[in-house]
N, C-alpha and C. Protein backbone atom coordinates (compact mmCIF):
# COMPACT_ATOMS: atom_id res chain seq x y z
N MET A 1 37.11 -22.44 -37.23
CA MET A 1 37.38 -21.50 -36.16
C MET A 1 36.17 -20.61 -35.90
N ASN A 2 35.50 -20.17 -36.98
CA ASN A 2 34.37 -19.27 -36.81
C ASN A 2 33.24 -19.92 -36.02
N SER A 3 33.04 -21.22 -36.20
CA SER A 3 31.97 -21.88 -35.45
C SER A 3 32.28 -21.89 -33.95
N LEU A 4 33.53 -22.00 -33.58
CA LEU A 4 33.93 -21.94 -32.18
C LEU A 4 33.68 -20.54 -31.61
N ILE A 5 34.01 -19.53 -32.38
CA ILE A 5 33.79 -18.15 -31.95
C ILE A 5 32.29 -17.87 -31.82
N LYS A 6 31.50 -18.36 -32.77
CA LYS A 6 30.04 -18.17 -32.70
C LYS A 6 29.46 -18.84 -31.45
N LYS A 7 29.97 -20.01 -31.13
CA LYS A 7 29.49 -20.70 -29.93
C LYS A 7 29.84 -19.90 -28.68
N TYR A 8 31.04 -19.35 -28.64
CA TYR A 8 31.43 -18.51 -27.51
C TYR A 8 30.51 -17.29 -27.43
N ALA A 9 30.22 -16.67 -28.56
CA ALA A 9 29.36 -15.48 -28.59
C ALA A 9 27.96 -15.80 -28.08
N GLN A 10 27.46 -16.98 -28.38
CA GLN A 10 26.13 -17.38 -27.90
C GLN A 10 26.09 -17.42 -26.37
N ASN A 11 27.19 -17.77 -25.76
CA ASN A 11 27.25 -17.91 -24.31
C ASN A 11 27.81 -16.68 -23.60
N LEU A 12 28.14 -15.65 -24.36
CA LEU A 12 28.73 -14.44 -23.80
C LEU A 12 27.79 -13.78 -22.81
N ARG A 13 28.36 -13.31 -21.70
CA ARG A 13 27.59 -12.56 -20.70
C ARG A 13 28.23 -11.17 -20.57
N LYS A 14 27.45 -10.22 -20.13
CA LYS A 14 27.97 -8.87 -19.94
C LYS A 14 29.12 -8.89 -18.93
N GLU A 15 29.05 -9.76 -17.96
CA GLU A 15 30.11 -9.88 -16.96
C GLU A 15 31.44 -10.26 -17.62
N ASP A 16 31.37 -11.03 -18.70
CA ASP A 16 32.59 -11.41 -19.43
C ASP A 16 33.27 -10.17 -20.03
N ILE A 17 32.47 -9.24 -20.50
CA ILE A 17 33.02 -8.02 -21.09
C ILE A 17 33.66 -7.16 -20.01
N TYR A 18 32.99 -7.02 -18.88
CA TYR A 18 33.57 -6.28 -17.75
C TYR A 18 34.89 -6.92 -17.33
N SER A 19 34.92 -8.24 -17.21
CA SER A 19 36.13 -8.95 -16.78
C SER A 19 37.27 -8.77 -17.77
N PHE A 20 36.95 -8.85 -19.05
CA PHE A 20 37.98 -8.68 -20.07
C PHE A 20 38.55 -7.27 -20.03
N ALA A 21 37.68 -6.28 -19.91
CA ALA A 21 38.15 -4.90 -19.84
C ALA A 21 39.05 -4.69 -18.63
N GLU A 22 38.66 -5.25 -17.51
CA GLU A 22 39.47 -5.12 -16.29
C GLU A 22 40.83 -5.78 -16.49
N LYS A 23 40.83 -6.97 -17.07
CA LYS A 23 42.08 -7.69 -17.32
C LYS A 23 43.00 -6.90 -18.25
N GLU A 24 42.40 -6.18 -19.19
CA GLU A 24 43.17 -5.37 -20.14
C GLU A 24 43.52 -3.99 -19.59
N GLY A 25 43.03 -3.67 -18.39
CA GLY A 25 43.32 -2.39 -17.78
C GLY A 25 42.55 -1.24 -18.41
N VAL A 26 41.36 -1.53 -18.91
CA VAL A 26 40.55 -0.53 -19.60
C VAL A 26 39.29 -0.27 -18.77
N GLY A 27 39.04 1.00 -18.46
CA GLY A 27 37.80 1.35 -17.80
C GLY A 27 36.67 1.31 -18.81
N ILE A 28 35.52 0.78 -18.40
CA ILE A 28 34.40 0.63 -19.33
C ILE A 28 33.11 0.95 -18.60
N SER A 29 32.23 1.66 -19.27
CA SER A 29 30.94 2.03 -18.67
C SER A 29 29.89 0.98 -19.00
N SER A 30 28.79 1.03 -18.29
CA SER A 30 27.71 0.07 -18.55
C SER A 30 27.12 0.29 -19.95
N SER A 31 27.06 1.53 -20.41
CA SER A 31 26.53 1.76 -21.76
C SER A 31 27.47 1.19 -22.82
N GLU A 32 28.77 1.27 -22.58
CA GLU A 32 29.74 0.68 -23.52
C GLU A 32 29.62 -0.85 -23.52
N VAL A 33 29.44 -1.42 -22.35
CA VAL A 33 29.25 -2.86 -22.26
C VAL A 33 28.00 -3.26 -23.04
N ASN A 34 26.94 -2.50 -22.90
CA ASN A 34 25.70 -2.81 -23.62
C ASN A 34 25.90 -2.74 -25.13
N ILE A 35 26.62 -1.73 -25.61
CA ILE A 35 26.89 -1.61 -27.04
C ILE A 35 27.69 -2.81 -27.54
N ILE A 36 28.74 -3.15 -26.83
CA ILE A 36 29.60 -4.26 -27.24
C ILE A 36 28.83 -5.58 -27.18
N TYR A 37 28.13 -5.79 -26.09
CA TYR A 37 27.36 -7.03 -25.91
C TYR A 37 26.33 -7.19 -27.03
N ASP A 38 25.52 -6.15 -27.25
CA ASP A 38 24.49 -6.23 -28.29
C ASP A 38 25.10 -6.44 -29.67
N SER A 39 26.22 -5.79 -29.93
CA SER A 39 26.89 -5.94 -31.23
C SER A 39 27.36 -7.37 -31.45
N ILE A 40 27.94 -7.95 -30.43
CA ILE A 40 28.43 -9.33 -30.56
C ILE A 40 27.26 -10.30 -30.67
N LYS A 41 26.29 -10.16 -29.79
CA LYS A 41 25.16 -11.10 -29.77
C LYS A 41 24.32 -11.03 -31.05
N ASN A 42 24.13 -9.82 -31.58
CA ASN A 42 23.22 -9.66 -32.71
C ASN A 42 23.90 -9.63 -34.07
N ASN A 43 25.22 -9.45 -34.09
CA ASN A 43 25.91 -9.26 -35.38
C ASN A 43 27.21 -10.03 -35.47
N ILE A 44 27.27 -11.18 -34.86
CA ILE A 44 28.51 -11.96 -34.88
C ILE A 44 28.93 -12.30 -36.30
N ASP A 45 27.97 -12.53 -37.19
CA ASP A 45 28.33 -12.86 -38.58
C ASP A 45 29.05 -11.69 -39.26
N ILE A 46 28.62 -10.47 -38.99
CA ILE A 46 29.30 -9.30 -39.55
C ILE A 46 30.69 -9.18 -38.95
N LEU A 47 30.79 -9.41 -37.65
CA LEU A 47 32.09 -9.30 -36.98
C LEU A 47 33.09 -10.35 -37.44
N LEU A 48 32.59 -11.41 -38.01
CA LEU A 48 33.47 -12.46 -38.53
C LEU A 48 33.61 -12.40 -40.05
N SER A 49 33.22 -11.27 -40.62
CA SER A 49 33.29 -11.12 -42.08
C SER A 49 34.31 -10.04 -42.45
N LYS A 50 34.47 -9.86 -43.73
CA LYS A 50 35.37 -8.82 -44.26
C LYS A 50 34.86 -7.42 -43.93
N ASP A 51 33.59 -7.30 -43.54
CA ASP A 51 33.00 -6.00 -43.22
C ASP A 51 33.15 -5.64 -41.74
N ALA A 52 33.89 -6.42 -41.00
CA ALA A 52 34.00 -6.22 -39.55
C ALA A 52 34.54 -4.83 -39.19
N LEU A 53 35.59 -4.41 -39.82
CA LEU A 53 36.20 -3.13 -39.45
C LEU A 53 35.24 -1.96 -39.71
N SER A 54 34.59 -1.95 -40.84
CA SER A 54 33.64 -0.86 -41.11
C SER A 54 32.48 -0.90 -40.13
N TYR A 55 32.07 -2.08 -39.72
CA TYR A 55 31.01 -2.21 -38.72
C TYR A 55 31.49 -1.65 -37.37
N ILE A 56 32.69 -2.02 -36.96
CA ILE A 56 33.25 -1.55 -35.69
C ILE A 56 33.40 -0.03 -35.71
N GLN A 57 33.82 0.52 -36.82
CA GLN A 57 34.04 1.96 -36.92
C GLN A 57 32.77 2.78 -36.67
N ARG A 58 31.61 2.17 -36.87
CA ARG A 58 30.34 2.86 -36.61
C ARG A 58 30.18 3.26 -35.15
N PHE A 59 30.89 2.58 -34.27
CA PHE A 59 30.73 2.80 -32.84
C PHE A 59 31.76 3.76 -32.25
N LYS A 60 32.62 4.30 -33.09
CA LYS A 60 33.70 5.16 -32.61
C LYS A 60 33.18 6.32 -31.75
N ASN A 61 32.11 6.94 -32.14
CA ASN A 61 31.57 8.08 -31.40
C ASN A 61 30.70 7.68 -30.21
N HIS A 62 30.50 6.38 -30.03
CA HIS A 62 29.65 5.90 -28.94
C HIS A 62 30.45 5.22 -27.83
N LEU A 63 31.76 5.11 -28.05
CA LEU A 63 32.65 4.47 -27.08
C LEU A 63 33.74 5.46 -26.69
N SER A 64 34.27 5.29 -25.49
CA SER A 64 35.40 6.14 -25.12
C SER A 64 36.58 5.82 -26.04
N GLU A 65 37.48 6.76 -26.15
CA GLU A 65 38.65 6.56 -27.00
C GLU A 65 39.43 5.32 -26.55
N GLU A 66 39.56 5.15 -25.23
CA GLU A 66 40.30 4.01 -24.69
C GLU A 66 39.67 2.68 -25.08
N VAL A 67 38.36 2.58 -24.95
CA VAL A 67 37.65 1.34 -25.30
C VAL A 67 37.73 1.10 -26.80
N TYR A 68 37.47 2.12 -27.58
CA TYR A 68 37.52 1.97 -29.03
C TYR A 68 38.91 1.53 -29.50
N GLU A 69 39.94 2.17 -28.99
CA GLU A 69 41.31 1.81 -29.38
C GLU A 69 41.66 0.38 -28.99
N LYS A 70 41.17 -0.08 -27.85
CA LYS A 70 41.42 -1.47 -27.43
C LYS A 70 40.73 -2.44 -28.38
N ILE A 71 39.51 -2.11 -28.80
CA ILE A 71 38.80 -2.96 -29.75
C ILE A 71 39.55 -3.03 -31.07
N ILE A 72 40.02 -1.90 -31.56
CA ILE A 72 40.78 -1.86 -32.81
C ILE A 72 42.09 -2.63 -32.66
N GLU A 73 42.74 -2.47 -31.52
CA GLU A 73 43.99 -3.21 -31.26
C GLU A 73 43.74 -4.72 -31.33
N LYS A 74 42.69 -5.18 -30.69
CA LYS A 74 42.38 -6.61 -30.68
C LYS A 74 41.95 -7.09 -32.06
N TYR A 75 41.20 -6.26 -32.77
CA TYR A 75 40.82 -6.60 -34.14
C TYR A 75 42.07 -6.81 -34.99
N ASN A 76 43.00 -5.86 -34.94
CA ASN A 76 44.22 -5.96 -35.74
C ASN A 76 45.07 -7.17 -35.33
N LYS A 77 45.06 -7.49 -34.07
CA LYS A 77 45.86 -8.62 -33.59
C LYS A 77 45.29 -9.95 -34.08
N TYR A 78 43.96 -10.07 -34.12
CA TYR A 78 43.34 -11.38 -34.38
C TYR A 78 42.71 -11.52 -35.76
N LYS A 79 42.67 -10.47 -36.57
CA LYS A 79 41.98 -10.56 -37.86
C LYS A 79 42.56 -11.63 -38.77
N ASP A 80 43.86 -11.79 -38.79
CA ASP A 80 44.46 -12.82 -39.64
C ASP A 80 44.19 -14.22 -39.09
N PHE A 81 44.11 -14.31 -37.79
CA PHE A 81 43.84 -15.60 -37.14
C PHE A 81 42.47 -16.13 -37.52
N ILE A 82 41.50 -15.21 -37.69
CA ILE A 82 40.16 -15.66 -38.05
C ILE A 82 39.83 -15.34 -39.51
N ASN A 83 40.89 -15.10 -40.29
CA ASN A 83 40.79 -14.93 -41.75
C ASN A 83 39.93 -13.77 -42.18
N LEU A 84 40.11 -12.62 -41.57
CA LEU A 84 39.38 -11.42 -42.00
C LEU A 84 40.21 -10.62 -42.97
């Protein structure tokens, strides 16, 4: 499963993040998109490891409460699916 997620991350575009946020009903700024995009592109191995939550928590003060809570919600929903 992780190899499939890594392949998706390699092809991720900033537009994908905007689209996902819109679909989820979350307003997102360009700086938040940049943080999320760079984090996924440069640290996918951390995001797919047991250290993912502590890594995500580093961005709490750099993201709006709404965006941060949505990320945590999705993390909690999918962590067991990807064996975190």
